[in-house]
Amino acid sequence: MKGIYLTGPNQFSLQELDEPVPGKKDVLIKVRMAGICGSDLHLLRGRNPFAAYPLVPGHEYMGEVLKAPKNSGLRRGEKVTAFPEVGCGKCPACKEGRLVHCPEFKFVGVRVPGGCFCEKLVVPRRRVIKLPRRMKDEEGAMVEPTAVAVHAVQEDVRCRPVVGSCDQGILEYAAPFDLLHDLLAYIRVGILVSEELVHADEHQPGQLADLESEPLPLERGM
C-alpha cells in the first residue's frame, strides 16, 4: 500500500509500505478521508520534540472496516474513526479518562505507529469509534478536531484571539480550529468573543456580540 513516510524534518515521500496485519483484538481500517492537523505541519518542519522519526503522520481521519474481531460490534464496511491518544491504561489518570496526564502518554502518528496518511491501518478495537452510516466522509474526518473543540468549550477554555470587530459583523480567524471553537461556543452559550476580550479586565460594554439567538444544547447544534 502507499503512504506518506516522514523520515525527518522536511523529508517526506510517497512510499510503498508493508500491508498492516491486524492482531486478534485489532480492527483493519481502509482510510477514506483524512485531515491535516497543525501538529502534522510541526512534524514536517521538525518542531515537535516528541516526534519519533521515521513515521507515517496523521490522526484526523475516517475510514471503513475491512476486518474486525468477532463479537466486536463492528462489521465490514461500517464507517469508523479512532481515538489517537494512548496511555498505560493502569494509572489513576487513565482510569479517569485523562490520558494526556498519563506518565506514558503517547500520540498516534507522532510517537506511536498508526498514522493515517496511508491507505490502510490497524487500530486496537478499544480505540475505534463507530460513526453513523449517513455521515459524510469529510464530516467523519472532522470528528477528532471537533471533539477537541467541544472539550475546550465544555471546560470553559477561551479560544485564541480573533482578528476583527464583532460590531462590523466580520471576523477573521488565525486557523480553522479557532473558527470551529467559536462556532461551538456560540452554539453553547449564544455569543462570539471579540479580540478585546482576551484582556478581560480591559473590556468595555458592547464587546460581546449577542447574535439574538437562544443558546442551543451542544448536541442539538452538532
Protein backbone atom coordinates (compact mmCIF):
# COMPACT_ATOMS: atom_id res chain seq x y z
CA MET A 1 0.00 0.00 0.00
CA LYS A 2 1.02 3.61 -0.42
CA GLY A 3 1.58 6.10 2.36
CA ILE A 4 3.33 9.33 3.31
CA TYR A 5 6.61 8.47 5.01
CA LEU A 6 8.34 11.15 7.06
CA THR A 7 11.98 10.32 7.76
CA GLY A 8 12.93 13.64 9.36
CA PRO A 9 12.25 17.37 9.28
CA ASN A 10 11.28 18.44 5.75
CA GLN A 11 11.99 14.93 4.45
CA PHE A 12 8.93 13.04 3.27
CA SER A 13 7.85 11.00 0.28
CA LEU A 14 5.06 8.79 -1.01
CA GLN A 15 6.27 5.24 -0.50
CA GLU A 16 5.18 1.65 -0.75
CA LEU A 17 4.56 0.46 2.81
CA ASP A 18 4.04 -3.01 4.25
CA GLU A 19 0.43 -4.14 4.43
CA PRO A 20 -0.77 -3.90 8.06
CA VAL A 21 -1.63 -7.21 9.73
CA PRO A 22 -4.30 -6.98 12.48
CA GLY A 23 -3.99 -8.91 15.71
CA LYS A 24 -6.86 -10.70 17.42
CA LYS A 25 -8.09 -7.52 19.10
CA ASP A 26 -7.39 -5.14 16.22
CA VAL A 27 -9.52 -3.59 13.51
CA LEU A 28 -8.21 -3.25 9.96
CA ILE A 29 -9.38 0.07 8.52
CA LYS A 30 -9.32 1.46 4.99
CA VAL A 31 -8.74 5.22 5.19
CA ARG A 32 -11.31 7.15 3.16
CA MET A 33 -10.73 10.73 4.27
CA ALA A 34 -8.02 12.43 6.33
CA GLY A 35 -7.40 15.94 7.56
CA ILE A 36 -4.14 17.80 8.13
CA CYS A 37 -3.68 18.99 11.71
CA GLY A 38 -1.39 21.84 12.67
CA SER A 39 0.65 19.28 14.61
CA ASP A 40 1.28 17.41 11.34
CA LEU A 41 2.89 20.58 9.97
CA HIS A 42 5.02 20.78 13.12
CA LEU A 43 6.18 17.23 12.46
CA LEU A 44 7.06 18.12 8.89
CA ARG A 45 9.04 21.17 9.96
CA GLY A 46 10.81 19.44 12.84
CA ARG A 47 9.08 21.47 15.53
CA ASN A 48 7.69 18.59 17.58
CA PRO A 49 10.21 17.45 20.21
CA PHE A 50 8.29 14.20 20.77
CA ALA A 51 8.46 13.04 17.15
CA ALA A 52 9.87 9.54 16.68
CA TYR A 53 11.07 9.58 13.07
CA PRO A 54 10.65 7.79 10.74
CA LEU A 55 6.87 7.75 10.88
CA VAL A 56 3.59 7.92 8.99
CA PRO A 57 1.85 11.06 10.31
CA GLY A 58 -1.84 11.89 10.59
CA HIS A 59 -4.59 11.30 13.15
CA GLU A 60 -7.68 13.12 11.85
CA TYR A 61 -9.48 10.62 9.65
CA MET A 62 -12.39 8.33 8.97
CA GLY A 63 -12.45 5.02 7.21
CA GLU A 64 -14.33 1.80 6.71
CA VAL A 65 -13.87 -1.51 8.44
CA LEU A 66 -12.15 -4.17 6.38
CA LYS A 67 -11.79 -6.70 9.20
CA ALA A 68 -12.83 -6.71 12.84
CA PRO A 69 -12.60 -9.16 15.75
CA LYS A 70 -15.55 -11.44 16.41
CA ASN A 71 -18.16 -10.04 18.77
CA SER A 72 -16.56 -6.59 18.48
CA GLY A 73 -19.77 -4.87 17.44
CA LEU A 74 -18.20 -3.87 14.12
CA ARG A 75 -18.88 -5.22 10.66
CA ARG A 76 -17.10 -4.94 7.36
CA GLY A 77 -17.97 -1.74 5.51
CA GLU A 78 -19.04 0.26 8.57
CA LYS A 79 -17.71 3.78 8.98
CA VAL A 80 -15.32 4.42 11.85
CA THR A 81 -12.76 6.80 13.26
CA ALA A 82 -10.26 6.30 16.07
CA PHE A 83 -9.11 7.91 19.30
CA PRO A 84 -5.47 8.96 18.74
CA GLU A 85 -4.23 9.13 22.34
CA VAL A 86 -2.54 6.19 24.04
CA GLY A 87 -1.89 5.73 27.76
CA CYS A 88 -0.79 2.90 30.02
CA GLY A 89 -4.40 2.13 30.98
CA LYS A 90 -3.44 1.47 34.60
CA CYS A 91 -2.56 4.77 36.25
CA PRO A 92 -5.15 6.98 38.04
CA ALA A 93 -5.19 9.45 35.13
CA CYS A 94 -6.00 6.72 32.59
CA LYS A 95 -8.72 5.26 34.81
CA GLU A 96 -10.33 8.70 34.99
CA GLY A 97 -10.12 9.15 31.22
CA ARG A 98 -7.35 11.78 31.41
CA LEU A 99 -4.84 10.03 29.17
CA VAL A 100 -2.93 13.23 28.49
CA HIS A 101 -1.79 13.16 32.13
CA CYS A 102 -0.54 9.59 31.93
CA PRO A 103 3.23 9.28 32.57
CA GLU A 104 3.41 7.05 29.47
CA PHE A 105 1.20 9.22 27.27
CA LYS A 106 1.86 8.96 23.55
CA PHE A 107 0.13 10.21 20.43
CA VAL A 108 -0.56 8.14 17.32
CA GLY A 109 1.31 9.40 14.29
CA VAL A 110 3.90 11.12 16.49
CA ARG A 111 5.41 8.53 18.83
CA VAL A 112 3.12 5.58 18.16
CA PRO A 113 2.81 3.83 14.76
CA GLY A 114 -0.55 4.05 13.05
CA GLY A 115 -0.67 7.44 11.39
CA CYS A 116 -3.50 7.81 8.89
CA PHE A 117 -1.67 9.24 5.86
CA CYS A 118 -1.78 5.84 4.20
CA GLU A 119 -4.31 3.54 2.56
CA LYS A 120 -4.88 1.12 5.44
CA LEU A 121 -4.07 0.93 9.12
CA VAL A 122 -4.59 -1.27 12.16
CA VAL A 123 -6.17 0.08 15.36
CA PRO A 124 -6.95 -1.71 18.66
CA ARG A 125 -10.70 -2.21 18.95
CA ARG A 126 -10.86 -0.23 22.21
CA ARG A 127 -9.81 2.94 20.34
CA VAL A 128 -12.16 2.53 17.37
CA ILE A 129 -15.33 4.63 17.30
CA LYS A 130 -18.25 3.68 15.09
CA LEU A 131 -19.73 6.52 13.03
CA PRO A 132 -23.30 6.99 11.79
CA ARG A 133 -23.96 5.31 8.46
CA ARG A 134 -25.19 8.53 6.85
CA MET A 135 -22.25 10.66 7.99
CA LYS A 136 -20.27 12.08 5.10
CA ASP A 137 -16.60 11.18 4.80
CA GLU A 138 -15.45 14.76 5.31
CA GLU A 139 -17.62 15.02 8.42
CA GLY A 140 -16.15 11.81 9.79
CA ALA A 141 -12.64 13.15 9.34
CA MET A 142 -13.64 16.17 11.44
CA VAL A 143 -14.78 14.14 14.45
CA GLU A 144 -11.42 14.24 16.25
CA PRO A 145 -10.76 18.01 15.92
CA THR A 146 -14.40 18.72 16.72
CA ALA A 147 -14.11 16.61 19.88
CA VAL A 148 -11.13 18.72 20.93
CA ALA A 149 -13.12 21.91 20.40
CA VAL A 150 -16.15 20.51 22.25
CA HIS A 151 -13.94 19.61 25.20
CA ALA A 152 -12.44 23.11 25.24
CA VAL A 153 -15.89 24.71 25.25
CA GLN A 154 -17.16 22.38 27.96
CA GLU A 155 -14.14 23.19 30.10
CA ASP A 156 -14.72 26.91 29.51
CA VAL A 157 -11.34 27.38 27.89
CA ARG A 158 -11.29 30.65 25.95
CA CYS A 159 -10.41 30.46 22.28
CA ARG A 160 -7.31 32.11 20.90
CA PRO A 161 -7.57 35.76 19.83
CA VAL A 162 -9.52 36.55 16.70
CA VAL A 163 -8.80 39.46 14.43
CA GLY A 164 -11.70 41.69 13.53
CA SER A 165 -14.59 43.51 15.06
CA CYS A 166 -17.88 41.99 16.11
CA ASP A 167 -19.74 45.25 15.65
CA GLN A 168 -18.71 45.25 11.98
CA GLY A 169 -20.08 41.75 11.56
CA ILE A 170 -16.75 40.44 10.23
CA LEU A 171 -14.37 38.08 11.99
CA GLU A 172 -11.12 36.71 10.63
CA TYR A 173 -9.58 33.65 12.28
CA ALA A 174 -5.99 32.56 12.66
CA ALA A 175 -6.80 28.91 11.98
CA PRO A 176 -9.78 26.65 11.17
CA PHE A 177 -9.76 25.34 14.75
CA ASP A 178 -10.42 28.87 16.04
CA LEU A 179 -13.49 29.11 13.84
CA LEU A 180 -14.68 25.66 14.92
CA HIS A 181 -14.16 26.52 18.58
CA ASP A 182 -16.06 29.82 18.30
CA LEU A 183 -18.89 28.16 16.40
CA LEU A 184 -19.30 25.59 19.15
CA ALA A 185 -19.04 28.30 21.80
CA TYR A 186 -21.85 30.17 20.09
CA ILE A 187 -23.99 27.04 19.93
CA ARG A 188 -23.28 26.51 23.60
CA VAL A 189 -23.77 29.99 25.02
CA GLY A 190 -25.07 32.15 22.17
CA ILE A 191 -22.12 34.55 21.91
CA LEU A 192 -18.93 35.15 19.99
CA VAL A 193 -15.86 36.62 21.62
CA SER A 194 -14.02 39.59 20.13
CA GLU A 195 -10.27 40.05 20.39
CA GLU A 196 -10.63 42.75 23.04
CA LEU A 197 -11.92 40.18 25.50
CA VAL A 198 -8.57 38.46 25.54
CA HIS A 199 -7.79 41.07 28.19
CA ALA A 200 -10.89 40.54 30.29
CA ASP A 201 -10.01 43.26 32.77
CA GLU A 202 -9.94 45.86 29.99
CA HIS A 203 -13.17 45.07 28.18
CA GLN A 204 -15.96 47.58 27.74
CA PRO A 205 -19.70 47.08 27.31
CA GLY A 206 -20.67 46.07 23.81
CA GLN A 207 -17.69 43.87 23.14
CA LEU A 208 -19.82 40.76 23.39
CA ALA A 209 -21.79 40.29 20.19
CA ASP A 210 -25.18 38.86 21.13
CA LEU A 211 -26.48 37.29 17.94
CA GLU A 212 -30.05 37.33 19.28
CA SER A 213 -30.37 33.58 19.41
CA GLU A 214 -31.23 31.33 22.32
CA PRO A 215 -28.26 29.14 23.26
CA LEU A 216 -28.67 25.63 21.94
CA PRO A 217 -27.78 22.41 23.72
CA LEU A 218 -24.43 21.32 22.26
CA GLU A 219 -25.81 18.06 20.93
CA ARG A 220 -28.58 19.88 19.01
CA GLY A 221 -26.09 22.13 17.30
CA MET A 222 -24.00 19.17 16.29
